[in-house]
Amino acid sequence: MSQARSPIETILILATLALLVWLPLPSGSNSDWAKALFCLVATLLTGCWAATQLSKTGTHNRALRPALPLFMLLLATQVWVALQWVLGITADAGTTLQNLMLGLGYSFLFILIVGLFHTRKRLTLLVSVLVVSGTLQAFHGTLMTLSGLEWLLFEPKQHYRGVATGTYVNRNHLAGYLVMTLGLGIGLLMALRDGAPLRWRNLLEMLMGPKARLRLALVIMVIALVMTRSRMGNTAFFASLLVIGGIFVLLNKEHRVRNSLILASLILIDVLVISQFFGLDRLKDRLINTRVENLVEEGQVVAGKNELRLDVFEYAWEQFTDRPITGFGAGSFGASFQSYPGPDIPLYFKETHNDYLQFAIEYGVIGWLILGLFVIGALRQALKALWHRESWYRSGIGFGASMAILGILIHSATDFNLQIPANAATFVTAAAIAVLAGHHRKTRAREA
């Protein structure tokens, strides 16, 4: 018989949820003190959870077995980073050590999520809290933009005034966070379908009835996503929705019409109607005029911004080819890249604006392949759950995890979301949800 949940386990669950909500608040936790706090809390929570597992006579978490290979891949990546640091491969030993600590924090968070949220009730709570967090970020971002107050959480906004950034400094990082929480929210909506026959009354009840709060949260997040004016963020959201939604509709033949109507409502109601009043036309203009946006400093056009980013890609690729196998050290791009750009790059670039290229430069092919296997494994788990025809809940949560993972992978082609601790941690959480989607327990005896 299953054991009842202990008070310590309840505290660990609440503390983990609080950590996930906290991470985006201090500017995406992209500062030394916030990174250190995350690493400390994630390590302590995982240590406490591991201690509770040792005291149990048996394990009742069947999600741990499929999660173990992914966890080992994350740990293998940290072993490689440690070798870069110890062997002096890195161009910036201090930053590489910091990235080692962050990597261990992400690894511990992954196994902690799988270890704690392995029942349906807990998994629903986890996804719901992430949706609430995304909604709060979206509400804060839209409120600051529409009111003209333009504050982050602790200080006035210095950059990207006039567009939504939430508590992030960069609008693209809010967009990346919303892409993940929107995906998970849509997945939760699909998971909570009741299976009643398709009638207009049931469709209206889904849009206006008990699930109205979830629908409202999705609307708020879509509005904020549009108000970020993030081209790739919006592209990633709709591309992942169309791809995963298309797979979902094709797989489920029995309820193809119902699922198509639900997904169509998300696009038509949220985007074409509501977002039209919150700057969809301005986002469209940014997408159309991508090639002509200029970078202006002190009234002078310094360079075409988008062309400048492409030039950075070229120099970054040149850097990668100099040390393709071992890389320059995790987190060292800001220090190692500066000797490569020519006079046509007038600015200091700490990031490549392409996560794939930056990970390749810093980790080398060795570390890049290990991380790639982790991502592929997580996406495979999510798609397996999406394929689960016997359970609407499992396929719905698999839908959400698939969309969150694919969305941030698309966005990473032109930005550096995975260099921001809050977004990287949320991505790792989505990977853990992908495992839990297909391997959680539906009920647990005597669990509160």
Protein backbone atom coordinates (compact mmCIF):
# COMPACT_ATOMS: atom_id res chain seq x y z
CA MET A 1 0.00 0.00 0.00
CA SER A 2 1.26 3.51 -0.85
CA GLN A 3 2.49 5.70 1.92
CA ALA A 4 0.74 8.96 2.83
CA ARG A 5 2.51 12.15 1.94
CA SER A 6 4.68 13.37 4.81
CA PRO A 7 4.70 16.97 6.09
CA ILE A 8 8.31 17.27 4.92
CA GLU A 9 7.27 16.28 1.40
CA THR A 10 4.51 18.89 1.47
CA ILE A 11 7.03 21.55 2.48
CA LEU A 12 9.37 20.46 -0.33
CA ILE A 13 6.55 20.69 -2.89
CA LEU A 14 5.56 24.19 -1.76
CA ALA A 15 9.17 25.35 -1.64
CA THR A 16 9.85 24.02 -5.16
CA LEU A 17 6.78 25.77 -6.53
CA ALA A 18 7.84 28.99 -4.79
CA LEU A 19 11.29 28.68 -6.35
CA LEU A 20 9.82 28.32 -9.85
CA VAL A 21 7.65 31.41 -9.37
CA TRP A 22 10.55 33.37 -7.86
CA LEU A 23 13.11 32.71 -10.59
CA PRO A 24 11.77 35.20 -13.19
CA LEU A 25 11.18 37.98 -10.65
CA PRO A 26 14.72 39.35 -10.09
CA SER A 27 15.32 40.13 -13.78
CA GLY A 28 15.22 36.46 -14.76
CA SER A 29 17.69 35.62 -11.95
CA ASN A 30 20.41 36.81 -14.32
CA SER A 31 22.69 38.25 -11.63
CA ASP A 32 25.38 36.70 -9.50
CA TRP A 33 23.42 36.78 -6.25
CA ALA A 34 20.25 35.38 -7.87
CA LYS A 35 22.21 32.59 -9.56
CA ALA A 36 23.86 31.69 -6.26
CA LEU A 37 20.49 31.69 -4.50
CA PHE A 38 18.99 29.38 -7.10
CA CYS A 39 21.90 26.94 -6.88
CA LEU A 40 21.76 26.90 -3.09
CA VAL A 41 17.99 26.40 -2.84
CA ALA A 42 17.85 23.77 -5.60
CA THR A 43 20.67 21.81 -3.97
CA LEU A 44 19.14 21.98 -0.49
CA LEU A 45 15.68 20.94 -1.72
CA THR A 46 17.09 18.05 -3.73
CA GLY A 47 19.20 16.93 -0.79
CA CYS A 48 16.18 16.95 1.51
CA TRP A 49 14.11 15.04 -1.05
CA ALA A 50 16.88 12.44 -1.46
CA ALA A 51 17.01 12.03 2.32
CA THR A 52 13.26 11.34 2.44
CA GLN A 53 13.68 8.68 -0.26
CA LEU A 54 16.34 6.87 1.77
CA SER A 55 13.95 6.61 4.70
CA LYS A 56 11.27 4.88 2.61
CA THR A 57 11.04 1.09 2.42
CA GLY A 58 10.19 1.09 -1.28
CA THR A 59 9.78 3.42 -4.21
CA HIS A 60 6.39 4.26 -5.71
CA ASN A 61 7.60 6.70 -8.34
CA ARG A 62 7.64 4.96 -11.69
CA ALA A 63 8.72 8.17 -13.45
CA LEU A 64 12.21 7.98 -11.96
CA ARG A 65 13.33 5.12 -14.21
CA PRO A 66 12.69 6.91 -17.57
CA ALA A 67 14.00 10.15 -16.06
CA LEU A 68 17.29 8.60 -14.96
CA PRO A 69 18.96 8.55 -18.43
CA LEU A 70 18.10 12.23 -18.92
CA PHE A 71 19.39 13.08 -15.45
CA MET A 72 22.63 11.25 -16.19
CA LEU A 73 23.04 13.24 -19.43
CA LEU A 74 22.69 16.47 -17.46
CA LEU A 75 25.27 15.26 -14.93
CA ALA A 76 27.58 14.14 -17.75
CA THR A 77 27.45 17.67 -19.13
CA GLN A 78 28.51 19.03 -15.74
CA VAL A 79 31.38 16.51 -15.60
CA TRP A 80 32.58 17.86 -18.94
CA VAL A 81 32.33 21.47 -17.69
CA ALA A 82 34.30 20.46 -14.60
CA LEU A 83 37.00 18.99 -16.84
CA GLN A 84 37.12 22.22 -18.86
CA TRP A 85 37.73 24.09 -15.63
CA VAL A 86 40.22 21.66 -14.08
CA LEU A 87 42.25 21.14 -17.27
CA GLY A 88 42.38 24.85 -18.06
CA ILE A 89 40.51 24.51 -21.35
CA THR A 90 38.30 27.47 -20.53
CA ALA A 91 39.08 31.06 -21.49
CA ASP A 92 37.28 32.33 -18.36
CA ALA A 93 37.74 30.06 -15.35
CA GLY A 94 35.51 32.08 -13.03
CA THR A 95 32.51 32.08 -15.37
CA THR A 96 32.98 28.41 -16.17
CA LEU A 97 32.91 27.58 -12.46
CA GLN A 98 29.74 29.62 -12.12
CA ASN A 99 28.19 27.75 -15.05
CA LEU A 100 29.18 24.46 -13.42
CA MET A 101 27.24 25.45 -10.32
CA LEU A 102 24.26 26.53 -12.45
CA GLY A 103 24.37 23.30 -14.40
CA LEU A 104 24.29 21.27 -11.20
CA GLY A 105 21.35 23.39 -10.05
CA TYR A 106 19.45 22.62 -13.26
CA SER A 107 20.27 18.93 -12.93
CA PHE A 108 19.05 18.80 -9.35
CA LEU A 109 15.89 20.73 -10.27
CA PHE A 110 15.09 18.20 -13.00
CA ILE A 111 15.27 15.16 -10.74
CA LEU A 112 13.54 17.07 -7.92
CA ILE A 113 10.55 17.85 -10.16
CA VAL A 114 10.29 14.24 -11.30
CA GLY A 115 10.68 13.02 -7.72
CA LEU A 116 8.03 15.26 -6.17
CA PHE A 117 5.31 15.73 -8.80
CA HIS A 118 4.75 12.12 -9.85
CA THR A 119 0.98 11.92 -9.21
CA ARG A 120 -1.75 13.44 -11.35
CA LYS A 121 -2.87 15.82 -8.61
CA ARG A 122 0.66 17.10 -8.05
CA LEU A 123 1.42 17.33 -11.78
CA THR A 124 -1.72 19.40 -12.34
CA LEU A 125 -0.65 21.65 -9.48
CA LEU A 126 2.83 22.09 -10.98
CA VAL A 127 1.54 23.02 -14.44
CA SER A 128 -1.11 25.30 -12.93
CA VAL A 129 1.48 27.19 -10.89
CA LEU A 130 3.66 27.71 -13.97
CA VAL A 131 0.60 29.03 -15.84
CA VAL A 132 -0.15 31.38 -12.94
CA SER A 133 3.47 32.56 -12.95
CA GLY A 134 3.31 33.23 -16.69
CA THR A 135 0.03 35.08 -16.24
CA LEU A 136 1.50 37.27 -13.50
CA GLN A 137 4.48 38.08 -15.71
CA ALA A 138 2.14 38.90 -18.58
CA PHE A 139 -0.13 41.06 -16.42
CA HIS A 140 2.84 42.94 -14.97
CA GLY A 141 4.32 43.50 -18.43
CA THR A 142 1.10 44.77 -20.01
CA LEU A 143 0.23 46.93 -16.98
CA MET A 144 3.63 48.61 -16.95
CA THR A 145 3.47 49.24 -20.69
CA LEU A 146 -0.11 50.54 -20.82
CA SER A 147 0.25 52.67 -17.67
CA GLY A 148 3.61 54.15 -18.65
CA LEU A 149 5.13 53.34 -15.24
CA GLU A 150 7.82 51.12 -16.83
CA TRP A 151 9.22 49.36 -13.76
CA LEU A 152 10.80 45.98 -13.36
CA LEU A 153 10.27 44.36 -9.99
CA PHE A 154 12.86 46.29 -7.98
CA GLU A 155 13.96 49.15 -10.24
CA PRO A 156 12.83 51.36 -13.13
CA LYS A 157 13.11 49.91 -16.61
CA GLN A 158 16.13 51.24 -18.51
CA HIS A 159 15.69 49.42 -21.80
CA TYR A 160 12.83 48.37 -24.09
CA ARG A 161 10.51 51.09 -22.86
CA GLY A 162 7.13 50.99 -24.55
CA VAL A 163 7.06 47.21 -24.92
CA ALA A 164 6.24 44.48 -22.42
CA THR A 165 9.19 42.90 -20.60
CA GLY A 166 7.56 41.72 -17.35
CA THR A 167 10.23 41.52 -14.67
CA TYR A 168 12.86 40.71 -17.33
CA VAL A 169 15.28 43.26 -18.75
CA ASN A 170 14.92 41.96 -22.32
CA ARG A 171 11.53 41.62 -24.05
CA ASN A 172 12.73 38.49 -25.85
CA HIS A 173 13.28 36.73 -22.56
CA LEU A 174 9.75 37.49 -21.38
CA ALA A 175 8.58 36.20 -24.77
CA GLY A 176 10.59 33.01 -24.30
CA TYR A 177 9.11 32.47 -20.84
CA LEU A 178 5.58 33.06 -22.14
CA VAL A 179 6.14 30.65 -25.03
CA MET A 180 6.79 27.90 -22.47
CA THR A 181 4.00 28.79 -20.02
CA LEU A 182 1.51 29.27 -22.86
CA GLY A 183 2.39 25.86 -24.24
CA LEU A 184 1.91 24.25 -20.85
CA GLY A 185 -1.35 26.15 -20.33
CA ILE A 186 -2.76 25.01 -23.67
CA GLY A 187 -1.70 21.48 -22.81
CA LEU A 188 -3.54 21.70 -19.48
CA LEU A 189 -6.64 22.93 -21.30
CA MET A 190 -6.44 19.93 -23.62
CA ALA A 191 -5.81 17.58 -20.69
CA LEU A 192 -8.94 18.71 -18.84
CA ARG A 193 -11.37 17.91 -21.65
CA ASP A 194 -14.38 16.00 -20.32
CA GLY A 195 -15.10 13.71 -23.29
CA ALA A 196 -18.72 14.77 -23.64
CA PRO A 197 -20.29 14.55 -27.12
CA LEU A 198 -19.51 17.48 -29.38
CA ARG A 199 -22.30 20.01 -29.14
CA TRP A 200 -22.24 23.78 -29.41
CA ARG A 201 -23.42 24.02 -25.80
CA ASN A 202 -20.40 22.00 -24.63
CA LEU A 203 -18.03 24.09 -26.74
CA LEU A 204 -19.43 27.31 -25.28
CA GLU A 205 -19.17 25.86 -21.78
CA MET A 206 -15.47 25.15 -22.36
CA LEU A 207 -14.93 28.73 -23.52
CA MET A 208 -17.15 30.45 -20.96
CA GLY A 209 -17.68 27.95 -18.14
CA PRO A 210 -15.48 26.45 -15.38
CA LYS A 211 -12.37 26.54 -17.57
CA ALA A 212 -12.86 30.27 -18.18
CA ARG A 213 -10.09 31.16 -15.72
CA LEU A 214 -7.58 29.08 -17.65
CA ARG A 215 -8.81 30.56 -20.93
CA LEU A 216 -8.49 34.06 -19.44
CA ALA A 217 -4.92 33.30 -18.37
CA LEU A 218 -4.08 32.19 -21.91
CA VAL A 219 -5.63 35.38 -23.32
CA ILE A 220 -3.57 37.57 -20.98
CA MET A 221 -0.36 35.74 -21.91
CA VAL A 222 -1.07 36.01 -25.65
CA ILE A 223 -1.70 39.75 -25.28
CA ALA A 224 1.60 40.17 -23.42
CA LEU A 225 3.44 38.05 -25.98
CA VAL A 226 2.18 40.31 -28.77
CA MET A 227 3.06 43.40 -26.72
CA THR A 228 6.67 42.26 -26.37
CA ARG A 229 6.98 42.88 -30.15
CA SER A 230 9.35 39.90 -30.13
CA ARG A 231 9.39 38.64 -33.70
CA MET A 232 10.91 35.24 -33.04
CA GLY A 233 9.03 34.81 -29.78
CA ASN A 234 5.68 35.19 -31.54
CA THR A 235 6.87 33.12 -34.49
CA ALA A 236 8.02 30.35 -32.14
CA PHE A 237 4.69 30.29 -30.31
CA PHE A 238 2.52 30.04 -33.39
CA ALA A 239 4.86 27.67 -35.20
CA SER A 240 4.96 25.28 -32.23
CA LEU A 241 1.18 25.57 -31.84
CA LEU A 242 0.60 24.72 -35.49
CA VAL A 243 3.13 21.86 -35.56
CA ILE A 244 2.18 20.18 -32.27
CA GLY A 245 -1.50 21.01 -32.75
CA GLY A 246 -1.42 19.49 -36.22
CA ILE A 247 0.17 16.29 -34.90
CA PHE A 248 -2.36 16.18 -32.06
CA VAL A 249 -5.35 16.56 -34.38
CA LEU A 250 -4.07 13.96 -36.85
CA LEU A 251 -3.38 11.36 -34.16
CA ASN A 252 -6.76 11.61 -32.45
CA LYS A 253 -9.18 10.62 -35.19
CA GLU A 254 -12.15 10.05 -32.89
CA HIS A 255 -12.23 13.65 -31.62
CA ARG A 256 -10.59 15.41 -34.56
CA VAL A 257 -13.37 17.97 -35.03
CA ARG A 258 -13.52 18.87 -31.33
CA ASN A 259 -9.74 19.28 -31.04
CA SER A 260 -9.60 21.32 -34.24
CA LEU A 261 -12.26 23.70 -32.89
CA ILE A 262 -10.40 24.13 -29.59
CA LEU A 263 -7.11 24.94 -31.32
CA ALA A 264 -8.83 27.18 -33.85
CA SER A 265 -10.45 29.13 -31.02
CA LEU A 266 -7.03 29.77 -29.51
CA ILE A 267 -5.81 31.30 -32.75
CA LEU A 268 -8.93 33.14 -33.87
CA ILE A 269 -10.20 34.49 -30.55
CA ASP A 270 -6.88 35.24 -28.88
CA VAL A 271 -4.93 36.55 -31.85
CA LEU A 272 -7.21 37.87 -34.55
CA VAL A 273 -9.71 39.47 -32.15
CA ILE A 274 -8.22 40.31 -28.74
CA SER A 275 -4.59 40.95 -29.67
CA GLN A 276 -5.67 43.25 -32.50
CA PHE A 277 -6.33 45.86 -29.83
CA PHE A 278 -2.94 45.42 -28.17
CA GLY A 279 -0.46 46.03 -30.95
CA LEU A 280 -0.74 43.09 -33.34
CA ASP A 281 -0.40 45.55 -36.22
CA ARG A 282 2.87 46.90 -34.80
CA LEU A 283 4.25 43.39 -34.42
CA LYS A 284 3.27 42.74 -38.05
CA ASP A 285 5.18 45.86 -39.09
CA ARG A 286 8.28 44.68 -37.20
CA LEU A 287 8.12 41.33 -38.97
CA ILE A 288 7.75 42.95 -42.38
CA ASN A 289 10.51 45.51 -41.80
CA THR A 290 13.00 43.14 -40.17
CA ARG A 291 15.81 43.87 -42.60
CA VAL A 292 15.69 47.66 -42.24
CA GLU A 293 15.72 48.10 -38.46
CA ASN A 294 18.75 50.21 -37.54
CA LEU A 295 20.78 50.50 -34.37
CA VAL A 296 20.92 54.15 -33.30
CA GLU A 297 23.27 55.61 -30.70
CA GLU A 298 23.27 59.30 -29.76
CA GLY A 299 21.17 60.15 -32.78
CA GLN A 300 23.49 58.41 -35.24
CA VAL A 301 22.82 55.17 -37.13
CA VAL A 302 25.64 52.90 -36.01
CA ALA A 303 24.69 49.78 -37.96
CA GLY A 304 21.77 47.81 -39.31
CA LYS A 305 20.84 45.85 -36.21
CA ASN A 306 19.73 42.67 -37.91
CA GLU A 307 22.61 42.69 -40.36
CA LEU A 308 24.95 43.29 -37.42
CA ARG A 309 23.63 40.19 -35.70
CA LEU A 310 24.29 38.16 -38.83
CA ASP A 311 27.86 39.48 -38.89
CA VAL A 312 28.25 38.31 -35.28
CA PHE A 313 27.10 34.84 -36.36
CA GLU A 314 29.84 34.75 -39.00
CA TYR A 315 32.58 35.74 -36.56
CA ALA A 316 31.20 33.36 -33.93
CA TRP A 317 31.29 30.49 -36.43
CA GLU A 318 34.90 31.35 -37.15
CA GLN A 319 35.59 31.14 -33.42
CA PHE A 320 33.87 27.74 -33.19
CA THR A 321 36.04 26.31 -35.99
CA ASP A 322 39.17 27.27 -34.04
CA ARG A 323 38.31 24.90 -31.19
CA PRO A 324 35.37 22.72 -32.27
CA ILE A 325 35.91 19.65 -30.09
CA THR A 326 36.65 21.00 -26.62
CA GLY A 327 35.16 24.50 -26.87
CA PHE A 328 36.30 27.64 -25.09
CA GLY A 329 34.69 26.86 -21.72
CA ALA A 330 31.12 27.08 -20.46
CA GLY A 331 30.02 30.69 -20.08
CA SER A 332 33.20 32.08 -21.60
CA PHE A 333 31.79 33.56 -24.82
CA GLY A 334 31.77 37.11 -23.47
CA ALA A 335 35.50 36.91 -22.78
CA SER A 336 36.69 34.68 -25.64
CA PHE A 337 34.79 36.27 -28.53
CA GLN A 338 36.25 39.76 -28.28
CA SER A 339 39.38 39.01 -30.31
CA TYR A 340 37.38 37.78 -33.34
CA PRO A 341 35.12 40.64 -34.54
CA GLY A 342 36.39 43.09 -37.13
CA PRO A 343 35.77 46.86 -37.24
CA ASP A 344 32.27 46.25 -38.62
CA ILE A 345 31.17 45.10 -35.14
CA PRO A 346 31.11 48.34 -33.09
CA LEU A 347 29.44 46.88 -29.98
CA TYR A 348 30.36 44.48 -27.20
CA PHE A 349 28.48 41.17 -27.59
CA LYS A 350 28.29 39.00 -24.50
CA GLU A 351 25.96 36.51 -26.21
CA THR A 352 25.69 35.23 -29.79
CA HIS A 353 21.88 35.60 -29.99
CA ASN A 354 21.89 31.95 -31.05
CA ASP A 355 21.87 29.37 -28.26
CA TYR A 356 22.92 26.52 -30.55
CA LEU A 357 26.02 28.33 -31.74
CA GLN A 358 26.91 29.65 -28.30
CA PHE A 359 26.66 26.22 -26.67
CA ALA A 360 28.84 24.80 -29.46
CA ILE A 361 31.47 27.52 -28.93
CA GLU A 362 31.51 27.18 -25.16
CA TYR A 363 31.00 23.43 -24.67
CA GLY A 364 32.51 22.15 -27.90
CA VAL A 365 31.07 19.26 -29.86
CA ILE A 366 31.50 17.00 -26.84
CA GLY A 367 29.27 18.97 -24.50
CA TRP A 368 26.93 20.10 -27.30
CA LEU A 369 26.11 16.52 -28.25
CA ILE A 370 25.43 15.50 -24.65
CA LEU A 371 23.04 18.43 -24.20
CA GLY A 372 21.46 17.64 -27.56
CA LEU A 373 20.76 14.07 -26.46
CA PHE A 374 19.05 15.42 -23.33
CA VAL A 375 16.80 17.71 -25.37
CA ILE A 376 15.97 14.96 -27.89
CA GLY A 377 15.20 12.55 -25.06
CA ALA A 378 12.89 15.04 -23.34
CA LEU A 379 11.06 15.84 -26.58
CA ARG A 380 10.71 12.13 -27.29
CA GLN A 381 9.10 11.58 -23.87
CA ALA A 382 6.70 14.47 -24.52
CA LEU A 383 5.69 13.16 -27.95
CA LYS A 384 5.21 9.64 -26.56
CA ALA A 385 2.77 11.05 -24.02
CA LEU A 386 1.07 13.07 -26.78
CA TRP A 387 0.60 9.79 -28.65
CA HIS A 388 -1.19 8.25 -25.62
CA ARG A 389 -4.68 7.66 -27.01
CA GLU A 390 -6.07 5.91 -23.93
CA SER A 391 -5.71 8.95 -21.66
CA TRP A 392 -6.77 12.46 -22.59
CA TYR A 393 -4.93 13.82 -19.58
CA ARG A 394 -1.59 12.23 -20.52
CA SER A 395 -1.88 13.28 -24.15
CA GLY A 396 -2.85 16.82 -23.12
CA ILE A 397 0.11 17.26 -20.77
CA GLY A 398 2.32 15.72 -23.44
CA PHE A 399 0.93 18.31 -25.86
CA GLY A 400 1.89 21.11 -23.45
CA ALA A 401 5.39 19.79 -22.80
CA SER A 402 5.99 19.22 -26.52
CA MET A 403 4.86 22.73 -27.38
CA ALA A 404 6.93 24.32 -24.60
CA ILE A 405 10.10 22.46 -25.63
CA LEU A 406 9.65 22.99 -29.37
CA GLY A 407 8.75 26.65 -28.90
CA ILE A 408 11.89 27.53 -26.98
CA LEU A 409 14.02 25.48 -29.41
CA ILE A 410 12.68 27.58 -32.29
CA HIS A 411 13.21 30.82 -30.38
CA SER A 412 16.77 29.80 -29.48
CA ALA A 413 17.80 30.06 -33.13
CA THR A 414 17.86 33.87 -32.87
CA ASP A 415 18.18 34.60 -29.16
CA PHE A 416 19.77 33.48 -25.90
CA ASN A 417 16.87 32.43 -23.68
CA LEU A 418 18.75 29.41 -22.39
CA GLN A 419 21.52 31.67 -21.05
CA ILE A 420 18.96 33.24 -18.67
CA PRO A 421 18.65 31.14 -15.48
CA ALA A 422 14.87 31.58 -15.07
CA ASN A 423 14.17 30.43 -18.62
CA ALA A 424 16.74 27.64 -18.55
CA ALA A 425 15.26 26.34 -15.29
CA THR A 426 11.73 26.53 -16.74
CA PHE A 427 12.93 24.63 -19.81
CA VAL A 428 14.39 21.91 -17.57
CA THR A 429 11.08 21.83 -15.69
CA ALA A 430 9.22 21.37 -18.99
CA ALA A 431 11.57 18.46 -19.75
CA ALA A 432 10.69 16.91 -16.38
CA ILE A 433 6.98 17.43 -17.13
CA ALA A 434 7.53 15.61 -20.42
CA VAL A 435 8.67 12.54 -18.48
CA LEU A 436 5.87 12.87 -15.93
CA ALA A 437 3.21 13.23 -18.64
CA GLY A 438 3.48 9.60 -19.59
CA HIS A 439 4.69 8.05 -16.32
CA HIS A 440 2.83 9.71 -13.44
CA ARG A 441 0.42 7.86 -11.17
CA LYS A 442 -3.25 8.69 -11.53
CA THR A 443 -4.03 8.32 -7.82
CA ARG A 444 -2.18 7.65 -4.63
CA ALA A 445 -3.68 6.10 -1.54
CA ARG A 446 -4.30 8.38 1.46
CA GLU A 447 -2.64 11.34 -0.23
CA ALA A 448 -3.99 14.71 0.79
